[in-house]
């Protein structure tokens, strides 16, 4: 379990330890850390993608479900910082999805493409959007 905890902390999936729906699920299922649920979801998704079982849909769900929930919370909380973070995420998401057509013709039916795409989505909503937002703010000054 210690190695799994280290992997979760290193990958940035530890942000899910603070997600109320996952906290509720972890308490109900008596799971020590809510991020174990998120890690399990990511692992199952990668397995599905590797076996090319609805790879694009799985990748889209990874990039859409949690960010949509967090965007809803940001709008509801009226926190300008959270709203900016998720606006940056959705701009990056659109760029990735729009470039999907060109990339798909090059990497058609290749599981690595969807794994990389899912990894980019996870990176963006764990750490990446904050870095993009800082870059955008610095470039405007």
N, C-alpha and C. Protein backbone atom coordinates (compact mmCIF):
# COMPACT_ATOMS: atom_id res chain seq x y z
N UNK A 1 0.81 -1.19 0.00
CA UNK A 1 0.00 0.00 0.00
C UNK A 1 0.86 1.26 0.00
N UNK A 2 2.03 1.19 0.61
CA UNK A 2 2.90 2.36 0.67
C UNK A 2 3.36 2.74 -0.74
N UNK A 3 3.64 1.75 -1.59
CA UNK A 3 4.06 2.04 -2.96
C UNK A 3 2.91 2.65 -3.75
N UNK A 4 1.70 2.17 -3.53
CA UNK A 4 0.54 2.75 -4.21
C UNK A 4 0.33 4.19 -3.76
N UNK A 5 0.50 4.45 -2.47
CA UNK A 5 0.38 5.82 -1.97
C UNK A 5 1.43 6.74 -2.61
N UNK A 6 2.64 6.24 -2.76
CA UNK A 6 3.70 7.03 -3.39
C UNK A 6 3.36 7.31 -4.85
N UNK A 7 2.84 6.31 -5.56
CA UNK A 7 2.44 6.49 -6.95
C UNK A 7 1.32 7.53 -7.07
N UNK A 8 0.35 7.44 -6.19
CA UNK A 8 -0.78 8.39 -6.21
C UNK A 8 -0.28 9.80 -5.96
N UNK A 9 0.58 9.97 -4.98
CA UNK A 9 1.11 11.30 -4.66
C UNK A 9 1.97 11.84 -5.79
N UNK A 10 2.78 10.98 -6.40
CA UNK A 10 3.66 11.40 -7.48
C UNK A 10 2.87 11.81 -8.72
N UNK A 11 1.82 11.05 -9.03
CA UNK A 11 1.05 11.30 -10.25
C UNK A 11 0.07 12.45 -10.13
N UNK A 12 -0.17 12.93 -8.93
CA UNK A 12 -1.11 14.03 -8.76
C UNK A 12 -2.53 13.56 -8.51
N UNK A 13 -2.75 12.26 -8.44
CA UNK A 13 -4.10 11.76 -8.19
C UNK A 13 -4.54 11.98 -6.74
N UNK A 14 -3.63 12.50 -5.92
CA UNK A 14 -3.99 12.77 -4.53
C UNK A 14 -5.02 13.90 -4.40
N UNK A 15 -5.25 14.65 -5.47
CA UNK A 15 -6.29 15.69 -5.41
C UNK A 15 -7.67 15.08 -5.20
N UNK A 16 -7.82 13.81 -5.55
CA UNK A 16 -9.11 13.15 -5.39
C UNK A 16 -9.41 12.81 -3.93
N UNK A 17 -8.41 12.94 -3.05
CA UNK A 17 -8.65 12.73 -1.62
C UNK A 17 -9.56 13.80 -1.05
N UNK A 18 -9.73 14.91 -1.77
CA UNK A 18 -10.53 16.04 -1.29
C UNK A 18 -11.84 16.20 -2.05
N UNK A 19 -12.19 15.23 -2.87
CA UNK A 19 -13.41 15.30 -3.66
C UNK A 19 -14.58 14.72 -2.86
N UNK A 20 -15.58 15.55 -2.52
CA UNK A 20 -16.68 15.06 -1.68
C UNK A 20 -17.38 13.78 -2.17
N UNK A 21 -17.67 13.63 -3.48
CA UNK A 21 -18.31 12.38 -3.89
C UNK A 21 -17.42 11.16 -3.65
N UNK A 22 -16.12 11.30 -3.88
CA UNK A 22 -15.21 10.18 -3.66
C UNK A 22 -15.00 9.92 -2.17
N UNK A 23 -15.02 10.98 -1.37
CA UNK A 23 -14.92 10.80 0.09
C UNK A 23 -16.12 9.99 0.58
N UNK A 24 -17.30 10.34 0.07
CA UNK A 24 -18.51 9.61 0.45
C UNK A 24 -18.42 8.15 0.02
N UNK A 25 -18.00 7.91 -1.24
CA UNK A 25 -17.87 6.52 -1.71
C UNK A 25 -16.84 5.75 -0.91
N UNK A 26 -15.71 6.39 -0.59
CA UNK A 26 -14.66 5.71 0.18
C UNK A 26 -15.15 5.38 1.59
N UNK A 27 -15.87 6.30 2.20
CA UNK A 27 -16.41 6.03 3.54
C UNK A 27 -17.42 4.89 3.50
N UNK A 28 -18.27 4.91 2.50
CA UNK A 28 -19.29 3.87 2.36
C UNK A 28 -18.67 2.49 2.12
N UNK A 29 -17.66 2.46 1.27
CA UNK A 29 -17.01 1.19 0.93
C UNK A 29 -15.87 0.84 1.89
N UNK A 30 -15.64 1.70 2.87
CA UNK A 30 -14.58 1.53 3.86
C UNK A 30 -13.20 1.41 3.19
N UNK A 31 -12.96 2.33 2.27
CA UNK A 31 -11.66 2.42 1.59
C UNK A 31 -10.89 3.55 2.25
N UNK A 32 -9.62 3.30 2.53
CA UNK A 32 -8.81 4.24 3.32
C UNK A 32 -8.65 5.60 2.66
N UNK A 33 -8.39 5.63 1.35
CA UNK A 33 -8.18 6.90 0.64
C UNK A 33 -9.13 6.99 -0.55
N UNK A 34 -9.82 8.12 -0.72
CA UNK A 34 -10.68 8.30 -1.89
C UNK A 34 -9.90 8.21 -3.21
N UNK A 35 -8.63 8.58 -3.19
CA UNK A 35 -7.85 8.52 -4.43
C UNK A 35 -7.63 7.09 -4.91
N UNK A 36 -7.83 6.09 -4.03
CA UNK A 36 -7.75 4.69 -4.49
C UNK A 36 -8.85 4.42 -5.52
N UNK A 37 -10.02 5.02 -5.33
CA UNK A 37 -11.12 4.84 -6.27
C UNK A 37 -10.75 5.45 -7.62
N UNK A 38 -10.20 6.65 -7.59
CA UNK A 38 -9.79 7.32 -8.83
C UNK A 38 -8.69 6.53 -9.53
N UNK A 39 -7.74 6.01 -8.75
CA UNK A 39 -6.64 5.22 -9.32
C UNK A 39 -7.18 3.94 -9.96
N UNK A 40 -8.13 3.29 -9.30
CA UNK A 40 -8.75 2.10 -9.85
C UNK A 40 -9.45 2.42 -11.17
N UNK A 41 -10.16 3.54 -11.20
CA UNK A 41 -10.84 3.97 -12.43
C UNK A 41 -9.85 4.20 -13.56
N UNK A 42 -8.73 4.85 -13.25
CA UNK A 42 -7.72 5.12 -14.27
C UNK A 42 -7.11 3.81 -14.77
N UNK A 43 -6.82 2.89 -13.86
CA UNK A 43 -6.23 1.60 -14.27
C UNK A 43 -7.20 0.81 -15.14
N UNK A 44 -8.45 0.75 -14.74
CA UNK A 44 -9.46 0.03 -15.55
C UNK A 44 -9.59 0.70 -16.92
N UNK A 45 -9.57 2.02 -16.95
CA UNK A 45 -9.67 2.73 -18.22
C UNK A 45 -8.49 2.42 -19.12
N UNK A 46 -7.30 2.38 -18.56
CA UNK A 46 -6.11 2.06 -19.36
C UNK A 46 -6.18 0.63 -19.89
N UNK A 47 -6.67 -0.28 -19.07
CA UNK A 47 -6.83 -1.67 -19.53
C UNK A 47 -7.83 -1.72 -20.68
N UNK A 48 -8.96 -1.03 -20.55
CA UNK A 48 -9.95 -1.01 -21.63
C UNK A 48 -9.35 -0.41 -22.91
N UNK A 49 -8.58 0.65 -22.74
CA UNK A 49 -7.96 1.28 -23.91
C UNK A 49 -6.95 0.34 -24.55
N UNK A 50 -6.15 -0.35 -23.73
CA UNK A 50 -5.13 -1.28 -24.27
C UNK A 50 -5.76 -2.39 -25.09
N UNK A 51 -6.92 -2.86 -24.67
CA UNK A 51 -7.61 -3.90 -25.42
C UNK A 51 -8.56 -3.32 -26.45
N UNK A 52 -8.44 -2.01 -26.67
CA UNK A 52 -9.22 -1.29 -27.68
C UNK A 52 -10.73 -1.48 -27.50
N UNK A 53 -11.17 -1.50 -26.26
CA UNK A 53 -12.58 -1.59 -25.95
C UNK A 53 -13.09 -0.16 -25.72
N UNK A 54 -13.73 0.39 -26.73
CA UNK A 54 -14.27 1.74 -26.65
C UNK A 54 -13.21 2.73 -26.18
N UNK A 55 -12.05 2.69 -26.81
CA UNK A 55 -10.91 3.50 -26.38
C UNK A 55 -11.21 5.00 -26.42
N UNK A 56 -11.83 5.47 -27.49
CA UNK A 56 -12.09 6.90 -27.60
C UNK A 56 -13.11 7.35 -26.56
N UNK A 57 -14.16 6.58 -26.36
CA UNK A 57 -15.17 6.94 -25.37
C UNK A 57 -14.57 6.95 -23.98
N UNK A 58 -13.76 5.94 -23.66
CA UNK A 58 -13.11 5.87 -22.36
C UNK A 58 -12.22 7.08 -22.14
N UNK A 59 -11.43 7.42 -23.15
CA UNK A 59 -10.56 8.58 -23.05
C UNK A 59 -11.37 9.87 -22.89
N UNK A 60 -12.46 9.99 -23.62
CA UNK A 60 -13.32 11.17 -23.50
C UNK A 60 -13.93 11.27 -22.10
N UNK A 61 -14.33 10.14 -21.53
CA UNK A 61 -14.91 10.16 -20.19
C UNK A 61 -13.88 10.60 -19.15
N UNK A 62 -12.64 10.15 -19.32
CA UNK A 62 -11.58 10.57 -18.40
C UNK A 62 -11.41 12.08 -18.48
N UNK A 63 -11.46 12.62 -19.67
CA UNK A 63 -11.26 14.05 -19.85
C UNK A 63 -12.47 14.90 -19.56
N UNK A 64 -13.63 14.27 -19.33
CA UNK A 64 -14.86 15.07 -19.22
C UNK A 64 -15.55 15.00 -17.87
N UNK A 65 -15.68 13.82 -17.27
CA UNK A 65 -16.55 13.66 -16.09
C UNK A 65 -16.07 14.49 -14.90
N UNK A 66 -14.86 14.25 -14.43
CA UNK A 66 -14.38 14.98 -13.25
C UNK A 66 -14.25 16.48 -13.52
N UNK A 67 -13.67 16.88 -14.66
CA UNK A 67 -13.60 18.32 -14.93
C UNK A 67 -14.97 19.00 -15.02
N UNK A 68 -15.95 18.31 -15.57
CA UNK A 68 -17.30 18.90 -15.64
C UNK A 68 -17.85 19.11 -14.24
N UNK A 69 -17.64 18.15 -13.36
CA UNK A 69 -18.09 18.27 -11.97
C UNK A 69 -17.38 19.44 -11.28
N UNK A 70 -16.05 19.54 -11.45
CA UNK A 70 -15.29 20.61 -10.82
C UNK A 70 -15.66 21.99 -11.40
N UNK A 71 -15.97 22.03 -12.68
CA UNK A 71 -16.41 23.29 -13.29
C UNK A 71 -17.74 23.73 -12.70
N UNK A 72 -18.64 22.79 -12.53
CA UNK A 72 -19.93 23.09 -11.92
C UNK A 72 -19.72 23.66 -10.51
N UNK A 73 -18.84 23.04 -9.72
CA UNK A 73 -18.56 23.53 -8.38
C UNK A 73 -17.92 24.92 -8.41
N UNK A 74 -17.03 25.15 -9.39
CA UNK A 74 -16.38 26.46 -9.50
C UNK A 74 -17.39 27.56 -9.83
N UNK A 75 -18.32 27.25 -10.71
CA UNK A 75 -19.36 28.22 -11.06
C UNK A 75 -20.26 28.48 -9.85
N UNK A 76 -20.60 27.41 -9.16
CA UNK A 76 -21.48 27.53 -8.00
C UNK A 76 -20.80 28.31 -6.87
N UNK A 77 -19.50 28.13 -6.68
CA UNK A 77 -18.79 28.81 -5.59
C UNK A 77 -18.45 30.26 -5.93
N UNK A 78 -18.51 30.60 -7.19
CA UNK A 78 -18.20 31.96 -7.68
C UNK A 78 -16.75 32.36 -7.39
N UNK A 79 -15.88 31.37 -7.24
CA UNK A 79 -14.46 31.64 -7.04
C UNK A 79 -13.83 31.95 -8.41
N UNK A 80 -13.34 33.17 -8.56
CA UNK A 80 -12.78 33.58 -9.84
C UNK A 80 -11.55 32.74 -10.22
N UNK A 81 -10.74 32.40 -9.23
CA UNK A 81 -9.55 31.60 -9.49
C UNK A 81 -9.91 30.20 -10.01
N UNK A 82 -10.89 29.55 -9.37
CA UNK A 82 -11.34 28.24 -9.83
C UNK A 82 -11.96 28.33 -11.22
N UNK A 83 -12.74 29.37 -11.45
CA UNK A 83 -13.36 29.54 -12.76
C UNK A 83 -12.32 29.73 -13.84
N UNK A 84 -11.27 30.49 -13.54
CA UNK A 84 -10.19 30.68 -14.52
C UNK A 84 -9.48 29.36 -14.79
N UNK A 85 -9.21 28.60 -13.72
CA UNK A 85 -8.51 27.32 -13.89
C UNK A 85 -9.30 26.39 -14.81
N UNK A 86 -10.59 26.28 -14.58
CA UNK A 86 -11.38 25.36 -15.38
C UNK A 86 -11.67 25.90 -16.78
N UNK A 87 -11.67 27.21 -16.95
CA UNK A 87 -11.78 27.78 -18.29
C UNK A 87 -10.54 27.42 -19.10
N UNK A 88 -9.37 27.53 -18.48
CA UNK A 88 -8.13 27.14 -19.15
C UNK A 88 -8.17 25.65 -19.50
N UNK A 89 -8.67 24.83 -18.56
CA UNK A 89 -8.78 23.39 -18.84
C UNK A 89 -9.65 23.14 -20.07
N UNK A 90 -10.81 23.77 -20.12
CA UNK A 90 -11.73 23.52 -21.23
C UNK A 90 -11.17 24.02 -22.56
N UNK A 91 -10.38 25.09 -22.52
CA UNK A 91 -9.73 25.54 -23.76
C UNK A 91 -8.72 24.49 -24.22
N UNK A 92 -7.94 23.96 -23.29
CA UNK A 92 -6.97 22.91 -23.65
C UNK A 92 -7.70 21.65 -24.12
N UNK A 93 -8.81 21.31 -23.47
CA UNK A 93 -9.61 20.14 -23.85
C UNK A 93 -10.10 20.27 -25.29
N UNK A 94 -10.61 21.44 -25.63
CA UNK A 94 -11.11 21.67 -26.99
C UNK A 94 -9.98 21.52 -28.01
N UNK A 95 -8.82 22.05 -27.70
CA UNK A 95 -7.68 21.93 -28.62
C UNK A 95 -7.32 20.46 -28.82
N UNK A 96 -7.30 19.69 -27.74
CA UNK A 96 -6.97 18.26 -27.84
C UNK A 96 -8.03 17.52 -28.65
N UNK A 97 -9.29 17.78 -28.37
CA UNK A 97 -10.37 17.08 -29.08
C UNK A 97 -10.40 17.48 -30.55
N UNK A 98 -10.18 18.76 -30.83
CA UNK A 98 -10.18 19.22 -32.23
C UNK A 98 -9.00 18.63 -33.01
N UNK A 99 -7.87 18.47 -32.36
CA UNK A 99 -6.71 17.89 -33.04
C UNK A 99 -6.82 16.37 -33.14
N UNK A 100 -7.83 15.83 -32.52
CA UNK A 100 -8.04 14.39 -32.53
C UNK A 100 -8.21 13.83 -33.95
N UNK A 101 -8.90 14.54 -34.81
CA UNK A 101 -9.16 14.07 -36.16
C UNK A 101 -7.86 13.86 -36.93
N UNK A 102 -6.98 14.83 -36.86
CA UNK A 102 -5.69 14.71 -37.56
C UNK A 102 -4.83 13.62 -36.94
N UNK A 103 -4.79 13.59 -35.62
CA UNK A 103 -3.95 12.61 -34.94
C UNK A 103 -4.48 11.19 -35.13
N UNK A 104 -5.81 11.06 -35.16
CA UNK A 104 -6.40 9.74 -35.30
C UNK A 104 -6.05 9.11 -36.65
N UNK A 105 -5.96 9.92 -37.69
CA UNK A 105 -5.61 9.36 -38.99
C UNK A 105 -4.18 8.83 -38.99
N UNK A 106 -3.30 9.42 -38.17
CA UNK A 106 -1.93 8.94 -38.07
C UNK A 106 -1.81 7.72 -37.16
N UNK A 107 -2.58 7.70 -36.09
CA UNK A 107 -2.44 6.66 -35.07
C UNK A 107 -3.69 5.79 -34.96
N UNK A 108 -4.37 5.60 -36.05
CA UNK A 108 -5.62 4.85 -36.04
C UNK A 108 -5.47 3.49 -35.36
N UNK A 109 -6.38 3.22 -34.47
CA UNK A 109 -6.45 1.95 -33.75
C UNK A 109 -5.22 1.66 -32.92
N UNK A 110 -4.52 2.68 -32.50
CA UNK A 110 -3.34 2.49 -31.69
C UNK A 110 -3.67 2.89 -30.25
N UNK A 111 -3.58 1.93 -29.34
CA UNK A 111 -3.95 2.17 -27.95
C UNK A 111 -3.07 3.22 -27.29
N UNK A 112 -1.82 3.32 -27.72
CA UNK A 112 -0.90 4.29 -27.12
C UNK A 112 -1.45 5.72 -27.28
N UNK A 113 -2.07 6.00 -28.41
CA UNK A 113 -2.64 7.33 -28.66
C UNK A 113 -3.67 7.68 -27.59
N UNK A 114 -4.58 6.76 -27.30
CA UNK A 114 -5.63 7.03 -26.33
C UNK A 114 -5.09 7.04 -24.90
N UNK A 115 -4.09 6.23 -24.62
CA UNK A 115 -3.45 6.27 -23.29
C UNK A 115 -2.77 7.63 -23.10
N UNK A 116 -2.05 8.08 -24.11
CA UNK A 116 -1.37 9.38 -24.03
C UNK A 116 -2.40 10.51 -23.88
N UNK A 117 -3.47 10.41 -24.63
CA UNK A 117 -4.53 11.42 -24.57
C UNK A 117 -5.16 11.46 -23.17
N UNK A 118 -5.43 10.30 -22.61
CA UNK A 118 -5.99 10.22 -21.26
C UNK A 118 -5.00 10.76 -20.23
N UNK A 119 -3.72 10.45 -20.41
CA UNK A 119 -2.68 10.95 -19.50
C UNK A 119 -2.61 12.47 -19.56
N UNK A 120 -2.75 13.03 -20.75
CA UNK A 120 -2.75 14.50 -20.89
C UNK A 120 -3.93 15.10 -20.15
N UNK A 121 -5.11 14.49 -20.29
CA UNK A 121 -6.29 15.00 -19.58
C UNK A 121 -6.08 14.96 -18.07
N UNK A 122 -5.55 13.83 -17.57
CA UNK A 122 -5.32 13.70 -16.13
C UNK A 122 -4.29 14.72 -15.67
N UNK A 123 -3.23 14.88 -16.44
CA UNK A 123 -2.21 15.88 -16.08
C UNK A 123 -2.81 17.28 -16.05
N UNK A 124 -3.63 17.59 -17.03
CA UNK A 124 -4.22 18.93 -17.09
C UNK A 124 -5.09 19.22 -15.87
N UNK A 125 -5.90 18.24 -15.44
CA UNK A 125 -6.76 18.59 -14.32
C UNK A 125 -6.15 18.29 -12.97
N UNK A 126 -4.95 17.74 -12.90
CA UNK A 126 -4.29 17.62 -11.61
C UNK A 126 -3.29 18.75 -11.39
N UNK A 127 -2.47 19.06 -12.40
CA UNK A 127 -1.46 20.09 -12.23
C UNK A 127 -1.34 21.04 -13.43
N UNK A 128 -1.63 20.56 -14.58
CA UNK A 128 -1.32 21.27 -15.81
C UNK A 128 -2.03 22.59 -16.01
N UNK A 129 -3.31 22.67 -15.66
CA UNK A 129 -4.02 23.92 -15.91
C UNK A 129 -3.47 25.05 -15.05
N UNK A 130 -3.01 24.72 -13.86
CA UNK A 130 -2.41 25.77 -13.03
C UNK A 130 -1.15 26.32 -13.69
N UNK A 131 -0.36 25.42 -14.29
CA UNK A 131 0.85 25.87 -14.99
C UNK A 131 0.49 26.66 -16.25
N UNK A 132 -0.51 26.20 -16.99
CA UNK A 132 -0.95 26.94 -18.18
C UNK A 132 -1.49 28.31 -17.80
N UNK A 133 -2.23 28.36 -16.71
CA UNK A 133 -2.81 29.63 -16.27
C UNK A 133 -1.69 30.60 -15.87
N UNK A 134 -0.67 30.12 -15.16
CA UNK A 134 0.46 30.97 -14.78
C UNK A 134 1.19 31.46 -16.02
N UNK A 135 1.35 30.58 -17.01
CA UNK A 135 2.01 30.97 -18.26
C UNK A 135 1.21 32.05 -18.98
N UNK A 136 -0.10 31.88 -19.00
CA UNK A 136 -0.97 32.85 -19.68
C UNK A 136 -0.93 34.19 -18.98
N UNK A 137 -0.93 34.18 -17.65
CA UNK A 137 -0.89 35.43 -16.90
C UNK A 137 0.46 36.13 -17.10
N UNK A 138 1.56 35.37 -17.10
CA UNK A 138 2.89 35.95 -17.30
C UNK A 138 3.04 36.53 -18.70
N UNK A 139 2.46 35.87 -19.70
CA UNK A 139 2.60 36.34 -21.07
C UNK A 139 1.80 37.62 -21.32
N UNK A 140 0.77 37.87 -20.51
CA UNK A 140 -0.03 39.09 -20.66
C UNK A 140 0.63 40.30 -20.02
N UNK A 141 1.60 40.08 -19.14
CA UNK A 141 2.27 41.21 -18.46
C UNK A 141 3.40 41.78 -19.26
